[in-house]
């Protein structure tokens, strides 16, 4: 699934589809690990 970072109040957020969250067993306040592998047109981070 692809998503975009969006403004949410004074913060930034990643929104995911409900069907994706259900399949992944996610719910509100679920801890997740994020990593950046490559930025389009940029260098590895």
PDB file of N, CA and C in Angstrom:
ATOM      1  N   UNK A   1       0.842  -1.168   0.000  1.00  0.00           N
ATOM      2  CA  UNK A   1       0.000   0.000   0.000  1.00  0.00           C
ATOM      3  C   UNK A   1       0.892   1.236   0.000  1.00  0.00           C
ATOM      4  N   UNK A   2       0.512   2.230  -0.736  1.00  0.00           N
ATOM      5  CA  UNK A   2       1.217   3.508  -0.733  1.00  0.00           C
ATOM      6  C   UNK A   2       0.319   4.540  -0.061  1.00  0.00           C
ATOM      7  N   UNK A   3       0.932   5.440   0.688  1.00  0.00           N
ATOM      8  CA  UNK A   3       0.193   6.514   1.333  1.00  0.00           C
ATOM      9  C   UNK A   3       1.062   7.759   1.344  1.00  0.00           C
ATOM     10  N   UNK A   4       0.528   8.853   1.779  1.00  0.00           N
ATOM     11  CA  UNK A   4       1.268  10.116   1.843  1.00  0.00           C
ATOM     12  C   UNK A   4       1.218  10.662   3.256  1.00  0.00           C
ATOM     13  N   UNK A   5       2.232  11.428   3.597  1.00  0.00           N
ATOM     14  CA  UNK A   5       2.240  12.137   4.868  1.00  0.00           C
ATOM     15  C   UNK A   5       1.299  13.325   4.719  1.00  0.00           C
ATOM     16  N   UNK A   6       0.390  13.488   5.686  1.00  0.00           N
ATOM     17  CA  UNK A   6      -0.576  14.575   5.631  1.00  0.00           C
ATOM     18  C   UNK A   6      -0.580  15.342   6.944  1.00  0.00           C
ATOM     19  N   UNK A   7      -1.003  16.598   6.875  1.00  0.00           N
ATOM     20  CA  UNK A   7      -1.136  17.430   8.065  1.00  0.00           C
ATOM     21  C   UNK A   7      -2.331  16.938   8.870  1.00  0.00           C
ATOM     22  N   UNK A   8      -2.151  16.801  10.179  1.00  0.00           N
ATOM     23  CA  UNK A   8      -3.244  16.410  11.060  1.00  0.00           C
ATOM     24  C   UNK A   8      -3.117  17.273  12.298  1.00  0.00           C
ATOM     25  N   UNK A   9      -3.868  18.359  12.365  1.00  0.00           N
ATOM     26  CA  UNK A   9      -3.710  19.333  13.443  1.00  0.00           C
ATOM     27  C   UNK A   9      -2.338  19.974  13.315  1.00  0.00           C
ATOM     28  N   UNK A  10      -1.566  19.944  14.404  1.00  0.00           N
ATOM     29  CA  UNK A  10      -0.214  20.500  14.385  1.00  0.00           C
ATOM     30  C   UNK A  10       0.834  19.439  14.097  1.00  0.00           C
ATOM     31  N   UNK A  11       0.410  18.241  13.717  1.00  0.00           N
ATOM     32  CA  UNK A  11       1.322  17.127  13.493  1.00  0.00           C
ATOM     33  C   UNK A  11       1.232  16.640  12.059  1.00  0.00           C
ATOM     34  N   UNK A  12       2.117  15.712  11.722  1.00  0.00           N
ATOM     35  CA  UNK A  12       2.055  15.005  10.450  1.00  0.00           C
ATOM     36  C   UNK A  12       1.624  13.583  10.735  1.00  0.00           C
ATOM     37  N   UNK A  13       0.903  12.980   9.806  1.00  0.00           N
ATOM     38  CA  UNK A  13       0.383  11.633  10.034  1.00  0.00           C
ATOM     39  C   UNK A  13       0.402  10.824   8.747  1.00  0.00           C
ATOM     40  N   UNK A  14       0.496   9.518   8.903  1.00  0.00           N
ATOM     41  CA  UNK A  14       0.323   8.574   7.802  1.00  0.00           C
ATOM     42  C   UNK A  14      -1.036   7.920   7.989  1.00  0.00           C
ATOM     43  N   UNK A  15      -1.902   8.072   7.025  1.00  0.00           N
ATOM     44  CA  UNK A  15      -3.225   7.458   7.112  1.00  0.00           C
ATOM     45  C   UNK A  15      -3.218   6.181   6.291  1.00  0.00           C
ATOM     46  N   UNK A  16      -3.834   5.140   6.828  1.00  0.00           N
ATOM     47  CA  UNK A  16      -3.912   3.861   6.129  1.00  0.00           C
ATOM     48  C   UNK A  16      -5.368   3.439   6.002  1.00  0.00           C
ATOM     49  N   UNK A  17      -5.623   2.609   5.025  1.00  0.00           N
ATOM     50  CA  UNK A  17      -6.980   2.112   4.807  1.00  0.00           C
ATOM     51  C   UNK A  17      -7.421   1.220   5.963  1.00  0.00           C
ATOM     52  N   UNK A  18      -8.708   1.296   6.289  1.00  0.00           N
ATOM     53  CA  UNK A  18      -9.253   0.467   7.367  1.00  0.00           C
ATOM     54  C   UNK A  18      -9.039  -1.013   7.070  1.00  0.00           C
ATOM     55  N   UNK A  19      -9.230  -1.413   5.817  1.00  0.00           N
ATOM     56  CA  UNK A  19      -9.056  -2.819   5.450  1.00  0.00           C
ATOM     57  C   UNK A  19      -7.609  -3.267   5.674  1.00  0.00           C
ATOM     58  N   UNK A  20      -6.647  -2.384   5.409  1.00  0.00           N
ATOM     59  CA  UNK A  20      -5.241  -2.685   5.646  1.00  0.00           C
ATOM     60  C   UNK A  20      -4.989  -2.839   7.142  1.00  0.00           C
ATOM     61  N   UNK A  21      -5.544  -1.932   7.950  1.00  0.00           N
ATOM     62  CA  UNK A  21      -5.373  -1.989   9.407  1.00  0.00           C
ATOM     63  C   UNK A  21      -5.948  -3.280   9.977  1.00  0.00           C
ATOM     64  N   UNK A  22      -7.110  -3.671   9.517  1.00  0.00           N
ATOM     65  CA  UNK A  22      -7.734  -4.908   9.995  1.00  0.00           C
ATOM     66  C   UNK A  22      -6.873  -6.108   9.636  1.00  0.00           C
ATOM     67  N   UNK A  23      -6.432  -6.166   8.389  1.00  0.00           N
ATOM     68  CA  UNK A  23      -5.606  -7.289   7.938  1.00  0.00           C
ATOM     69  C   UNK A  23      -4.295  -7.372   8.725  1.00  0.00           C
ATOM     70  N   UNK A  24      -3.738  -6.208   9.074  1.00  0.00           N
ATOM     71  CA  UNK A  24      -2.472  -6.168   9.814  1.00  0.00           C
ATOM     72  C   UNK A  24      -2.669  -6.288  11.322  1.00  0.00           C
ATOM     73  N   UNK A  25      -3.913  -6.318  11.776  1.00  0.00           N
ATOM     74  CA  UNK A  25      -4.191  -6.420  13.212  1.00  0.00           C
ATOM     75  C   UNK A  25      -3.887  -5.130  13.963  1.00  0.00           C
ATOM     76  N   UNK A  26      -4.002  -3.999  13.288  1.00  0.00           N
ATOM     77  CA  UNK A  26      -3.728  -2.706  13.909  1.00  0.00           C
ATOM     78  C   UNK A  26      -4.994  -2.093  14.477  1.00  0.00           C
ATOM     79  N   UNK A  27      -4.831  -1.315  15.520  1.00  0.00           N
ATOM     80  CA  UNK A  27      -5.935  -0.567  16.105  1.00  0.00           C
ATOM     81  C   UNK A  27      -5.373   0.734  16.662  1.00  0.00           C
ATOM     82  N   UNK A  28      -6.219   1.622  17.130  1.00  0.00           N
ATOM     83  CA  UNK A  28      -5.757   2.898  17.672  1.00  0.00           C
ATOM     84  C   UNK A  28      -4.716   2.669  18.760  1.00  0.00           C
ATOM     85  N   UNK A  29      -3.644   3.414  18.716  1.00  0.00           N
ATOM     86  CA  UNK A  29      -2.517   3.338  19.654  1.00  0.00           C
ATOM     87  C   UNK A  29      -1.649   2.094  19.493  1.00  0.00           C
ATOM     88  N   UNK A  30      -1.787   1.354  18.383  1.00  0.00           N
ATOM     89  CA  UNK A  30      -0.886   0.229  18.128  1.00  0.00           C
ATOM     90  C   UNK A  30       0.517   0.764  17.868  1.00  0.00           C
ATOM     91  N   UNK A  31       1.535   0.193  18.505  1.00  0.00           N
ATOM     92  CA  UNK A  31       2.907   0.621  18.206  1.00  0.00           C
ATOM     93  C   UNK A  31       3.329   0.081  16.831  1.00  0.00           C
ATOM     94  N   UNK A  32       4.044   0.877  16.083  1.00  0.00           N
ATOM     95  CA  UNK A  32       4.563   0.458  14.776  1.00  0.00           C
ATOM     96  C   UNK A  32       6.004   0.937  14.636  1.00  0.00           C
ATOM     97  N   UNK A  33       6.781   0.253  13.820  1.00  0.00           N
ATOM     98  CA  UNK A  33       8.141   0.663  13.492  1.00  0.00           C
ATOM     99  C   UNK A  33       8.141   1.184  12.063  1.00  0.00           C
ATOM    100  N   UNK A  34       8.748   2.331  11.852  1.00  0.00           N
ATOM    101  CA  UNK A  34       8.868   2.913  10.518  1.00  0.00           C
ATOM    102  C   UNK A  34      10.337   3.061  10.167  1.00  0.00           C
ATOM    103  N   UNK A  35      10.650   2.939   8.882  1.00  0.00           N
ATOM    104  CA  UNK A  35      11.999   3.210   8.422  1.00  0.00           C
ATOM    105  C   UNK A  35      11.917   3.795   7.021  1.00  0.00           C
ATOM    106  N   UNK A  36      12.919   4.578   6.677  1.00  0.00           N
ATOM    107  CA  UNK A  36      13.012   5.140   5.343  1.00  0.00           C
ATOM    108  C   UNK A  36      14.047   4.347   4.576  1.00  0.00           C
ATOM    109  N   UNK A  37      13.688   3.888   3.402  1.00  0.00           N
ATOM    110  CA  UNK A  37      14.646   3.127   2.602  1.00  0.00           C
ATOM    111  C   UNK A  37      15.156   3.966   1.426  1.00  0.00           C
ATOM    112  N   UNK A  38      14.331   4.823   0.872  1.00  0.00           N
ATOM    113  CA  UNK A  38      14.770   5.647  -0.257  1.00  0.00           C
ATOM    114  C   UNK A  38      13.731   6.725  -0.487  1.00  0.00           C
ATOM    115  N   UNK A  39      14.201   7.914  -0.794  1.00  0.00           N
ATOM    116  CA  UNK A  39      13.306   9.019  -1.144  1.00  0.00           C
ATOM    117  C   UNK A  39      13.412   9.213  -2.654  1.00  0.00           C
ATOM    118  N   UNK A  40      12.290   9.291  -3.317  1.00  0.00           N
ATOM    119  CA  UNK A  40      12.268   9.432  -4.769  1.00  0.00           C
ATOM    120  C   UNK A  40      13.158  10.595  -5.195  1.00  0.00           C
ATOM    121  N   UNK A  41      14.133  10.316  -6.021  1.00  0.00           N
ATOM    122  CA  UNK A  41      15.030  11.344  -6.513  1.00  0.00           C
ATOM    123  C   UNK A  41      16.079  11.764  -5.516  1.00  0.00           C
ATOM    124  N   UNK A  42      16.139  11.079  -4.361  1.00  0.00           N
ATOM    125  CA  UNK A  42      17.094  11.467  -3.330  1.00  0.00           C
ATOM    126  C   UNK A  42      18.082  10.371  -3.041  1.00  0.00           C
ATOM    127  N   UNK A  43      18.794  10.529  -1.961  1.00  0.00           N
ATOM    128  CA  UNK A  43      19.793   9.551  -1.551  1.00  0.00           C
ATOM    129  C   UNK A  43      19.234   8.662  -0.450  1.00  0.00           C
ATOM    130  N   UNK A  44      19.881   7.515  -0.231  1.00  0.00           N
ATOM    131  CA  UNK A  44      19.494   6.648   0.868  1.00  0.00           C
ATOM    132  C   UNK A  44      19.646   7.378   2.182  1.00  0.00           C
ATOM    133  N   UNK A  45      18.735   7.105   3.101  1.00  0.00           N
ATOM    134  CA  UNK A  45      18.820   7.678   4.439  1.00  0.00           C
ATOM    135  C   UNK A  45      19.213   6.644   5.447  1.00  0.00           C
TER     136      UNK A  45
END
